[in-house]
Amino acid sequence: MDKMVSKEAFKKEIKPELQAKGKTIALCHGVFDLVHPGHIIHLEQAKNMADVLVVSVTAAKYVRKGPGRPYFDDEMRMKVLAALECVDYVM
């Protein structure tokens, strides 16, 4: 299973399938530029509240955190989140 999916694929394909199985879904959204222990704790707590944890990432062009931010591009931030055991999907 590829954890990195588009918003459209999740909405049209994955979400209906999960709902048909009666699965609950939690969504966490953010920049997740430099993932720190607080992020990990937050994501693990969210996963404990649902069957499936979906994490959405703010696209770099919308991030306004100062010059040169985010440090990592969209794909790299998604890869880091997808590597976490508690995360089921990243979009």
PDB file of N, CA and C in Angstrom:
ATOM      1  N   MET A   1       0.845  -1.185   0.000  1.00  0.00           N
ATOM      2  CA  MET A   1       0.000   0.000   0.000  1.00  0.00           C
ATOM      3  C   MET A   1       0.885   1.241   0.000  1.00  0.00           C
ATOM      4  N   ASP A   2       0.615   2.137  -0.936  1.00  0.00           N
ATOM      5  CA  ASP A   2       1.334   3.396  -0.970  1.00  0.00           C
ATOM      6  C   ASP A   2       0.610   4.375  -0.063  1.00  0.00           C
ATOM      7  N   LYS A   3       1.307   4.906   0.901  1.00  0.00           N
ATOM      8  CA  LYS A   3       0.697   5.831   1.855  1.00  0.00           C
ATOM      9  C   LYS A   3       0.494   7.222   1.269  1.00  0.00           C
ATOM     10  N   MET A   4       1.304   7.607   0.305  1.00  0.00           N
ATOM     11  CA  MET A   4       1.209   8.938  -0.280  1.00  0.00           C
ATOM     12  C   MET A   4       0.196   8.926  -1.413  1.00  0.00           C
ATOM     13  N   VAL A   5      -0.903   9.665  -1.223  1.00  0.00           N
ATOM     14  CA  VAL A   5      -1.988   9.683  -2.202  1.00  0.00           C
ATOM     15  C   VAL A   5      -2.411  11.126  -2.475  1.00  0.00           C
ATOM     16  N   SER A   6      -3.062  11.335  -3.595  1.00  0.00           N
ATOM     17  CA  SER A   6      -3.598  12.656  -3.895  1.00  0.00           C
ATOM     18  C   SER A   6      -4.907  12.849  -3.129  1.00  0.00           C
ATOM     19  N   LYS A   7      -5.272  14.100  -2.947  1.00  0.00           N
ATOM     20  CA  LYS A   7      -6.541  14.416  -2.281  1.00  0.00           C
ATOM     21  C   LYS A   7      -7.703  13.803  -3.053  1.00  0.00           C
ATOM     22  N   GLU A   8      -7.634  13.869  -4.377  1.00  0.00           N
ATOM     23  CA  GLU A   8      -8.707  13.331  -5.222  1.00  0.00           C
ATOM     24  C   GLU A   8      -8.823  11.815  -5.083  1.00  0.00           C
ATOM     25  N   ALA A   9      -7.686  11.126  -5.075  1.00  0.00           N
ATOM     26  CA  ALA A   9      -7.706   9.664  -4.932  1.00  0.00           C
ATOM     27  C   ALA A   9      -8.267   9.268  -3.577  1.00  0.00           C
ATOM     28  N   PHE A  10      -7.889  10.003  -2.544  1.00  0.00           N
ATOM     29  CA  PHE A  10      -8.411   9.668  -1.220  1.00  0.00           C
ATOM     30  C   PHE A  10      -9.919   9.881  -1.188  1.00  0.00           C
ATOM     31  N   LYS A  11     -10.357  11.005  -1.697  1.00  0.00           N
ATOM     32  CA  LYS A  11     -11.780  11.359  -1.654  1.00  0.00           C
ATOM     33  C   LYS A  11     -12.642  10.399  -2.484  1.00  0.00           C
ATOM     34  N   LYS A  12     -12.181  10.062  -3.681  1.00  0.00           N
ATOM     35  CA  LYS A  12     -13.005   9.281  -4.604  1.00  0.00           C
ATOM     36  C   LYS A  12     -12.860   7.772  -4.472  1.00  0.00           C
ATOM     37  N   GLU A  13     -11.683   7.302  -4.051  1.00  0.00           N
ATOM     38  CA  GLU A  13     -11.430   5.864  -4.031  1.00  0.00           C
ATOM     39  C   GLU A  13     -11.277   5.285  -2.622  1.00  0.00           C
ATOM     40  N   ILE A  14     -10.399   5.885  -1.845  1.00  0.00           N
ATOM     41  CA  ILE A  14     -10.024   5.293  -0.560  1.00  0.00           C
ATOM     42  C   ILE A  14     -11.071   5.533   0.518  1.00  0.00           C
ATOM     43  N   LYS A  15     -11.511   6.771   0.672  1.00  0.00           N
ATOM     44  CA  LYS A  15     -12.476   7.108   1.726  1.00  0.00           C
ATOM     45  C   LYS A  15     -13.774   6.317   1.619  1.00  0.00           C
ATOM     46  N   PRO A  16     -14.392   6.218   0.432  1.00  0.00           N
ATOM     47  CA  PRO A  16     -15.627   5.423   0.339  1.00  0.00           C
ATOM     48  C   PRO A  16     -15.426   3.953   0.736  1.00  0.00           C
ATOM     49  N   GLU A  17     -14.269   3.405   0.372  1.00  0.00           N
ATOM     50  CA  GLU A  17     -13.967   2.019   0.725  1.00  0.00           C
ATOM     51  C   GLU A  17     -13.831   1.860   2.241  1.00  0.00           C
ATOM     52  N   LEU A  18     -13.147   2.795   2.881  1.00  0.00           N
ATOM     53  CA  LEU A  18     -12.986   2.743   4.341  1.00  0.00           C
ATOM     54  C   LEU A  18     -14.332   2.901   5.033  1.00  0.00           C
ATOM     55  N   GLN A  19     -15.146   3.843   4.536  1.00  0.00           N
ATOM     56  CA  GLN A  19     -16.460   4.060   5.141  1.00  0.00           C
ATOM     57  C   GLN A  19     -17.361   2.843   4.976  1.00  0.00           C
ATOM     58  N   ALA A  20     -17.260   2.179   3.835  1.00  0.00           N
ATOM     59  CA  ALA A  20     -18.064   0.975   3.598  1.00  0.00           C
ATOM     60  C   ALA A  20     -17.703  -0.130   4.586  1.00  0.00           C
ATOM     61  N   LYS A  21     -16.456  -0.121   5.043  1.00  0.00           N
ATOM     62  CA  LYS A  21     -15.991  -1.101   6.031  1.00  0.00           C
ATOM     63  C   LYS A  21     -16.264  -0.648   7.462  1.00  0.00           C
ATOM     64  N   GLY A  22     -16.877   0.529   7.626  1.00  0.00           N
ATOM     65  CA  GLY A  22     -17.193   1.044   8.954  1.00  0.00           C
ATOM     66  C   GLY A  22     -16.001   1.612   9.704  1.00  0.00           C
ATOM     67  N   LYS A  23     -14.949   1.959   8.998  1.00  0.00           N
ATOM     68  CA  LYS A  23     -13.732   2.492   9.630  1.00  0.00           C
ATOM     69  C   LYS A  23     -13.911   3.968   9.969  1.00  0.00           C
ATOM     70  N   THR A  24     -13.369   4.379  11.117  1.00  0.00           N
ATOM     71  CA  THR A  24     -13.346   5.790  11.470  1.00  0.00           C
ATOM     72  C   THR A  24     -12.038   6.391  10.967  1.00  0.00           C
ATOM     73  N   ILE A  25     -12.110   7.670  10.586  1.00  0.00           N
ATOM     74  CA  ILE A  25     -10.964   8.350   9.991  1.00  0.00           C
ATOM     75  C   ILE A  25     -10.650   9.614  10.777  1.00  0.00           C
ATOM     76  N   ALA A  26      -9.380   9.785  11.143  1.00  0.00           N
ATOM     77  CA  ALA A  26      -8.916  11.015  11.777  1.00  0.00           C
ATOM     78  C   ALA A  26      -8.037  11.750  10.779  1.00  0.00           C
ATOM     79  N   LEU A  27      -8.152  13.085  10.765  1.00  0.00           N
ATOM     80  CA  LEU A  27      -7.346  13.907   9.871  1.00  0.00           C
ATOM     81  C   LEU A  27      -6.525  14.895  10.689  1.00  0.00           C
ATOM     82  N   CYS A  28      -5.236  14.943  10.421  1.00  0.00           N
ATOM     83  CA  CYS A  28      -4.347  15.957  10.985  1.00  0.00           C
ATOM     84  C   CYS A  28      -3.769  16.730   9.813  1.00  0.00           C
ATOM     85  N   HIS A  29      -3.728  18.048   9.932  1.00  0.00           N
ATOM     86  CA  HIS A  29      -3.233  18.882   8.844  1.00  0.00           C
ATOM     87  C   HIS A  29      -2.175  19.836   9.370  1.00  0.00           C
ATOM     88  N   GLY A  30      -1.160  20.088   8.556  1.00  0.00           N
ATOM     89  CA  GLY A  30      -0.149  21.059   8.943  1.00  0.00           C
ATOM     90  C   GLY A  30       0.961  21.154   7.920  1.00  0.00           C
ATOM     91  N   VAL A  31       1.974  21.936   8.272  1.00  0.00           N
ATOM     92  CA  VAL A  31       3.134  22.112   7.404  1.00  0.00           C
ATOM     93  C   VAL A  31       4.095  20.943   7.567  1.00  0.00           C
ATOM     94  N   PHE A  32       4.354  20.535   8.813  1.00  0.00           N
ATOM     95  CA  PHE A  32       5.244  19.413   9.138  1.00  0.00           C
ATOM     96  C   PHE A  32       6.601  19.557   8.453  1.00  0.00           C
ATOM     97  N   ASP A  33       7.160  20.762   8.555  1.00  0.00           N
ATOM     98  CA  ASP A  33       8.443  21.033   7.913  1.00  0.00           C
ATOM     99  C   ASP A  33       9.568  20.321   8.644  1.00  0.00           C
ATOM    100  N   LEU A  34       9.730  20.616   9.897  1.00  0.00           N
ATOM    101  CA  LEU A  34      10.712  19.914  10.737  1.00  0.00           C
ATOM    102  C   LEU A  34       9.912  19.147  11.782  1.00  0.00           C
ATOM    103  N   VAL A  35       9.755  17.861  11.578  1.00  0.00           N
ATOM    104  CA  VAL A  35       8.943  17.042  12.482  1.00  0.00           C
ATOM    105  C   VAL A  35       9.690  16.868  13.803  1.00  0.00           C
ATOM    106  N   HIS A  36       9.003  17.202  14.893  1.00  0.00           N
ATOM    107  CA  HIS A  36       9.603  17.133  16.229  1.00  0.00           C
ATOM    108  C   HIS A  36       8.749  16.236  17.141  1.00  0.00           C
ATOM    109  N   PRO A  37       9.215  15.967  18.358  1.00  0.00           N
ATOM    110  CA  PRO A  37       8.471  15.065  19.251  1.00  0.00           C
ATOM    111  C   PRO A  37       7.012  15.461  19.473  1.00  0.00           C
ATOM    112  N   GLY A  38       6.725  16.740  19.499  1.00  0.00           N
ATOM    113  CA  GLY A  38       5.336  17.183  19.669  1.00  0.00           C
ATOM    114  C   GLY A  38       4.447  16.723  18.525  1.00  0.00           C
ATOM    115  N   HIS A  39       4.984  16.740  17.315  1.00  0.00           N
ATOM    116  CA  HIS A  39       4.233  16.234  16.164  1.00  0.00           C
ATOM    117  C   HIS A  39       3.942  14.741  16.333  1.00  0.00           C
ATOM    118  N   ILE A  40       4.966  13.993  16.724  1.00  0.00           N
ATOM    119  CA  ILE A  40       4.816  12.543  16.875  1.00  0.00           C
ATOM    120  C   ILE A  40       3.739  12.228  17.916  1.00  0.00           C
ATOM    121  N   ILE A  41       3.796  12.898  19.050  1.00  0.00           N
ATOM    122  CA  ILE A  41       2.800  12.676  20.113  1.00  0.00           C
ATOM    123  C   ILE A  41       1.403  13.005  19.605  1.00  0.00           C
ATOM    124  N   HIS A  42       1.266  14.133  18.925  1.00  0.00           N
ATOM    125  CA  HIS A  42      -0.025  14.552  18.373  1.00  0.00           C
ATOM    126  C   HIS A  42      -0.578  13.513  17.393  1.00  0.00           C
ATOM    127  N   LEU A  43       0.267  13.037  16.491  1.00  0.00           N
ATOM    128  CA  LEU A  43      -0.170  12.057  15.497  1.00  0.00           C
ATOM    129  C   LEU A  43      -0.525  10.723  16.140  1.00  0.00           C
ATOM    130  N   GLU A  44       0.256  10.291  17.106  1.00  0.00           N
ATOM    131  CA  GLU A  44      -0.057   9.034  17.803  1.00  0.00           C
ATOM    132  C   GLU A  44      -1.376   9.141  18.558  1.00  0.00           C
ATOM    133  N   GLN A  45      -1.627  10.290  19.193  1.00  0.00           N
ATOM    134  CA  GLN A  45      -2.892  10.478  19.906  1.00  0.00           C
ATOM    135  C   GLN A  45      -4.070  10.476  18.932  1.00  0.00           C
ATOM    136  N   ALA A  46      -3.895  11.106  17.789  1.00  0.00           N
ATOM    137  CA  ALA A  46      -4.953  11.126  16.780  1.00  0.00           C
ATOM    138  C   ALA A  46      -5.234   9.709  16.274  1.00  0.00           C
ATOM    139  N   LYS A  47      -4.188   8.926  16.064  1.00  0.00           N
ATOM    140  CA  LYS A  47      -4.354   7.549  15.603  1.00  0.00           C
ATOM    141  C   LYS A  47      -5.113   6.712  16.627  1.00  0.00           C
ATOM    142  N   ASN A  48      -4.897   6.986  17.906  1.00  0.00           N
ATOM    143  CA  ASN A  48      -5.604   6.255  18.964  1.00  0.00           C
ATOM    144  C   ASN A  48      -7.098   6.566  18.992  1.00  0.00           C
ATOM    145  N   MET A  49      -7.493   7.632  18.310  1.00  0.00           N
ATOM    146  CA  MET A  49      -8.898   8.048  18.308  1.00  0.00           C
ATOM    147  C   MET A  49      -9.670   7.524  17.098  1.00  0.00           C
ATOM    148  N   ALA A  50      -8.988   6.872  16.167  1.00  0.00           N
ATOM    149  CA  ALA A  50      -9.642   6.410  14.941  1.00  0.00           C
ATOM    150  C   ALA A  50      -8.962   5.157  14.417  1.00  0.00           C
ATOM    151  N   ASP A  51      -9.608   4.532  13.451  1.00  0.00           N
ATOM    152  CA  ASP A  51      -9.020   3.346  12.822  1.00  0.00           C
ATOM    153  C   ASP A  51      -7.935   3.729  11.818  1.00  0.00           C
ATOM    154  N   VAL A  52      -8.134   4.859  11.143  1.00  0.00           N
ATOM    155  CA  VAL A  52      -7.247   5.282  10.066  1.00  0.00           C
ATOM    156  C   VAL A  52      -6.825   6.732  10.311  1.00  0.00           C
ATOM    157  N   LEU A  53      -5.520   6.990  10.216  1.00  0.00           N
ATOM    158  CA  LEU A  53      -5.004   8.353  10.363  1.00  0.00           C
ATOM    159  C   LEU A  53      -4.541   8.867   9.012  1.00  0.00           C
ATOM    160  N   VAL A  54      -5.126   9.979   8.608  1.00  0.00           N
ATOM    161  CA  VAL A  54      -4.763  10.662   7.374  1.00  0.00           C
ATOM    162  C   VAL A  54      -4.099  11.982   7.760  1.00  0.00           C
ATOM    163  N   VAL A  55      -2.960  12.266   7.152  1.00  0.00           N
ATOM    164  CA  VAL A  55      -2.261  13.522   7.407  1.00  0.00           C
ATOM    165  C   VAL A  55      -2.190  14.296   6.097  1.00  0.00           C
ATOM    166  N   SER A  56      -2.694  15.530   6.130  1.00  0.00           N
ATOM    167  CA  SER A  56      -2.596  16.383   4.943  1.00  0.00           C
ATOM    168  C   SER A  56      -1.533  17.450   5.201  1.00  0.00           C
ATOM    169  N   VAL A  57      -0.818  17.794   4.145  1.00  0.00           N
ATOM    170  CA  VAL A  57       0.321  18.701   4.242  1.00  0.00           C
ATOM    171  C   VAL A  57       0.012  19.982   3.476  1.00  0.00           C
ATOM    172  N   THR A  58       0.273  21.116   4.106  1.00  0.00           N
ATOM    173  CA  THR A  58       0.110  22.404   3.435  1.00  0.00           C
ATOM    174  C   THR A  58       1.153  22.526   2.328  1.00  0.00           C
ATOM    175  N   ALA A  59       0.712  22.811   1.118  1.00  0.00           N
ATOM    176  CA  ALA A  59       1.635  22.985  -0.009  1.00  0.00           C
ATOM    177  C   ALA A  59       2.585  24.150   0.267  1.00  0.00           C
ATOM    178  N   ALA A  60       3.820  23.999  -0.143  1.00  0.00           N
ATOM    179  CA  ALA A  60       4.866  24.989   0.125  1.00  0.00           C
ATOM    180  C   ALA A  60       4.465  26.393  -0.312  1.00  0.00           C
ATOM    181  N   LYS A  61       3.762  26.511  -1.423  1.00  0.00           N
ATOM    182  CA  LYS A  61       3.411  27.847  -1.922  1.00  0.00           C
ATOM    183  C   LYS A  61       2.473  28.607  -0.987  1.00  0.00           C
ATOM    184  N   TYR A  62       1.840  27.906  -0.032  1.00  0.00           N
ATOM    185  CA  TYR A  62       0.938  28.553   0.919  1.00  0.00           C
ATOM    186  C   TYR A  62       1.581  28.777   2.294  1.00  0.00           C
ATOM    187  N   VAL A  63       2.801  28.331   2.477  1.00  0.00           N
ATOM    188  CA  VAL A  63       3.470  28.452   3.773  1.00  0.00           C
ATOM    189  C   VAL A  63       4.085  29.844   3.891  1.00  0.00           C
ATOM    190  N   ARG A  64       3.737  30.542   4.959  1.00  0.00           N
ATOM    191  CA  ARG A  64       4.242  31.897   5.196  1.00  0.00           C
ATOM    192  C   ARG A  64       4.938  31.951   6.554  1.00  0.00           C
ATOM    193  N   LYS A  65       6.057  31.252   6.684  1.00  0.00           N
ATOM    194  CA  LYS A  65       6.761  31.171   7.962  1.00  0.00           C
ATOM    195  C   LYS A  65       8.131  31.833   7.909  1.00  0.00           C
ATOM    196  N   GLY A  66       8.345  32.698   6.951  1.00  0.00           N
ATOM    197  CA  GLY A  66       9.624  33.385   6.846  1.00  0.00           C
ATOM    198  C   GLY A  66      10.381  32.986   5.609  1.00  0.00           C
ATOM    199  N   PRO A  67      11.424  33.736   5.293  1.00  0.00           N
ATOM    200  CA  PRO A  67      12.215  33.451   4.089  1.00  0.00           C
ATOM    201  C   PRO A  67      12.829  32.051   4.122  1.00  0.00           C
ATOM    202  N   GLY A  68      12.783  31.392   2.974  1.00  0.00           N
ATOM    203  CA  GLY A  68      13.390  30.067   2.877  1.00  0.00           C
ATOM    204  C   GLY A  68      12.591  28.947   3.504  1.00  0.00           C
ATOM    205  N   ARG A  69      11.367  29.217   3.903  1.00  0.00           N
ATOM    206  CA  ARG A  69      10.537  28.189   4.516  1.00  0.00           C
ATOM    207  C   ARG A  69       9.452  27.761   3.556  1.00  0.00           C
ATOM    208  N   PRO A  70       8.985  26.565   3.529  1.00  0.00           N
ATOM    209  CA  PRO A  70       9.526  25.494   4.360  1.00  0.00           C
ATOM    210  C   PRO A  70      10.909  25.067   3.873  1.00  0.00           C
ATOM    211  N   TYR A  71      11.638  24.459   4.796  1.00  0.00           N
ATOM    212  CA  TYR A  71      12.982  23.989   4.466  1.00  0.00           C
ATOM    213  C   TYR A  71      12.939  22.832   3.472  1.00  0.00           C
ATOM    214  N   PHE A  72      11.921  21.990   3.609  1.00  0.00           N
ATOM    215  CA  PHE A  72      11.792  20.809   2.758  1.00  0.00           C
ATOM    216  C   PHE A  72      10.600  20.960   1.827  1.00  0.00           C
ATOM    217  N   ASP A  73      10.724  20.433   0.611  1.00  0.00           N
ATOM    218  CA  ASP A  73       9.630  20.543  -0.348  1.00  0.00           C
ATOM    219  C   ASP A  73       8.484  19.611   0.033  1.00  0.00           C
ATOM    220  N   ASP A  74       7.375  19.745  -0.681  1.00  0.00           N
ATOM    221  CA  ASP A  74       6.160  18.985  -0.361  1.00  0.00           C
ATOM    222  C   ASP A  74       6.409  17.485  -0.327  1.00  0.00           C
ATOM    223  N   GLU A  75       7.076  16.966  -1.345  1.00  0.00           N
ATOM    224  CA  GLU A  75       7.282  15.514  -1.421  1.00  0.00           C
ATOM    225  C   GLU A  75       8.135  14.996  -0.266  1.00  0.00           C
ATOM    226  N   MET A  76       9.176  15.723   0.107  1.00  0.00           N
ATOM    227  CA  MET A  76      10.033  15.272   1.211  1.00  0.00           C
ATOM    228  C   MET A  76       9.264  15.284   2.531  1.00  0.00           C
ATOM    229  N   ARG A  77       8.470  16.306   2.754  1.00  0.00           N
ATOM    230  CA  ARG A  77       7.669  16.354   3.995  1.00  0.00           C
ATOM    231  C   ARG A  77       6.667  15.210   4.032  1.00  0.00           C
ATOM    232  N   MET A  78       6.093  14.881   2.888  1.00  0.00           N
ATOM    233  CA  MET A  78       5.155  13.756   2.830  1.00  0.00           C
ATOM    234  C   MET A  78       5.869  12.427   3.071  1.00  0.00           C
ATOM    235  N   LYS A  79       7.058  12.269   2.523  1.00  0.00           N
ATOM    236  CA  LYS A  79       7.825  11.031   2.729  1.00  0.00           C
ATOM    237  C   LYS A  79       8.151  10.812   4.199  1.00  0.00           C
ATOM    238  N   VAL A  80       8.526  11.881   4.892  1.00  0.00           N
ATOM    239  CA  VAL A  80       8.848  11.768   6.322  1.00  0.00           C
ATOM    240  C   VAL A  80       7.613  11.303   7.091  1.00  0.00           C
ATOM    241  N   LEU A  81       6.471  11.897   6.809  1.00  0.00           N
ATOM    242  CA  LEU A  81       5.237  11.517   7.505  1.00  0.00           C
ATOM    243  C   LEU A  81       4.813  10.087   7.155  1.00  0.00           C
ATOM    244  N   ALA A  82       4.967   9.711   5.910  1.00  0.00           N
ATOM    245  CA  ALA A  82       4.591   8.354   5.486  1.00  0.00           C
ATOM    246  C   ALA A  82       5.454   7.306   6.170  1.00  0.00           C
ATOM    247  N   ALA A  83       6.652   7.669   6.580  1.00  0.00           N
ATOM    248  CA  ALA A  83       7.549   6.719   7.243  1.00  0.00           C
ATOM    249  C   ALA A  83       7.105   6.424   8.681  1.00  0.00           C
ATOM    250  N   LEU A  84       6.218   7.230   9.221  1.00  0.00           N
ATOM    251  CA  LEU A  84       5.754   7.009  10.598  1.00  0.00           C
ATOM    252  C   LEU A  84       4.737   5.877  10.640  1.00  0.00           C
ATOM    253  N   GLU A  85       4.921   4.988  11.570  1.00  0.00           N
ATOM    254  CA  GLU A  85       4.059   3.807  11.692  1.00  0.00           C
ATOM    255  C   GLU A  85       2.596   4.178  11.940  1.00  0.00           C
ATOM    256  N   CYS A  86       2.354   5.227  12.688  1.00  0.00           N
ATOM    257  CA  CYS A  86       0.983   5.579  13.055  1.00  0.00           C
ATOM    258  C   CYS A  86       0.194   6.217  11.909  1.00  0.00           C
ATOM    259  N   VAL A  87       0.873   6.652  10.867  1.00  0.00           N
ATOM    260  CA  VAL A  87       0.219   7.336   9.748  1.00  0.00           C
ATOM    261  C   VAL A  87      -0.183   6.314   8.687  1.00  0.00           C
ATOM    262  N   ASP A  88      -1.462   6.360   8.290  1.00  0.00           N
ATOM    263  CA  ASP A  88      -1.949   5.439   7.270  1.00  0.00           C
ATOM    264  C   ASP A  88      -1.893   6.033   5.863  1.00  0.00           C
ATOM    265  N   TYR A  89      -2.227   7.319   5.740  1.00  0.00           N
ATOM    266  CA  TYR A  89      -2.193   7.989   4.438  1.00  0.00           C
ATOM    267  C   TYR A  89      -1.694   9.420   4.615  1.00  0.00           C
ATOM    268  N   VAL A  90      -0.977   9.905   3.585  1.00  0.00           N
ATOM    269  CA  VAL A  90      -0.515  11.304   3.539  1.00  0.00           C
ATOM    270  C   VAL A  90      -0.971  11.857   2.212  1.00  0.00           C
ATOM    271  N   MET A  91      -1.554  13.071   2.271  1.00  0.00           N
ATOM    272  CA  MET A  91      -1.968  13.707   1.024  1.00  0.00           C
ATOM    273  C   MET A  91      -1.612  15.174   1.029  1.00  0.00           C
TER     274      MET A  91
END
